[in-house]
Protein backbone atom coordinates (compact mmCIF):
# COMPACT_ATOMS: atom_id res chain seq x y z
CA MET A 1 0.07 0.18 -0.03
CA PRO A 2 1.30 3.31 -1.17
CA LEU A 3 1.88 5.91 1.56
CA LEU A 4 0.84 8.55 -1.24
CA GLU A 5 -1.25 8.22 -4.09
CA VAL A 6 -2.41 10.27 -6.57
CA SER A 7 -4.55 10.11 -9.76
CA GLN A 8 -5.08 12.13 -12.68
CA LEU A 9 -4.24 15.27 -10.79
CA THR A 10 -4.58 18.37 -13.27
CA VAL A 11 -3.22 21.98 -11.78
CA CYS A 12 -3.92 25.40 -13.70
CA TYR A 13 -2.70 28.60 -12.35
CA GLU A 14 -4.13 31.56 -13.96
CA LYS A 15 -4.40 30.30 -17.66
CA ALA A 16 -1.45 27.90 -17.70
CA MET A 17 -1.97 24.23 -17.47
CA ILE A 18 1.04 23.41 -15.16
CA LEU A 19 0.37 19.53 -14.52
CA ASN A 20 -2.19 17.29 -16.61
CA GLU A 21 -3.60 14.22 -15.57
CA VAL A 22 -0.39 13.44 -13.75
CA SER A 23 -0.71 9.83 -11.69
CA LEU A 24 1.74 8.60 -9.18
CA GLU A 25 2.38 6.34 -6.33
CA VAL A 26 5.18 6.83 -3.35
CA ASP A 27 6.17 4.51 -1.21
CA SER A 28 7.46 4.91 2.76
CA GLY A 29 11.07 5.77 2.45
CA GLU A 30 11.00 6.99 -1.54
CA LEU A 31 12.33 10.35 -2.59
CA VAL A 32 10.37 12.02 -5.08
CA SER A 33 10.32 15.52 -6.84
CA LEU A 34 8.86 17.29 -9.84
CA VAL A 35 11.44 19.18 -11.72
CA GLY A 36 10.57 21.85 -14.70
CA PRO A 37 12.23 22.38 -18.00
CA ASN A 38 14.27 25.08 -15.92
CA GLY A 39 15.73 23.07 -13.37
CA ALA A 40 12.98 24.53 -10.72
CA GLY A 41 11.36 22.05 -8.55
């Protein structure tokens, strides 16, 4: 059983779509990051 489960997450900021239907599972002890095209995250 994952510690965190995200299914089809969509995020918009003003008129820009930031995430489109992102799904992921994170188990205990795992490290996860989201990094944008300019290296920010």
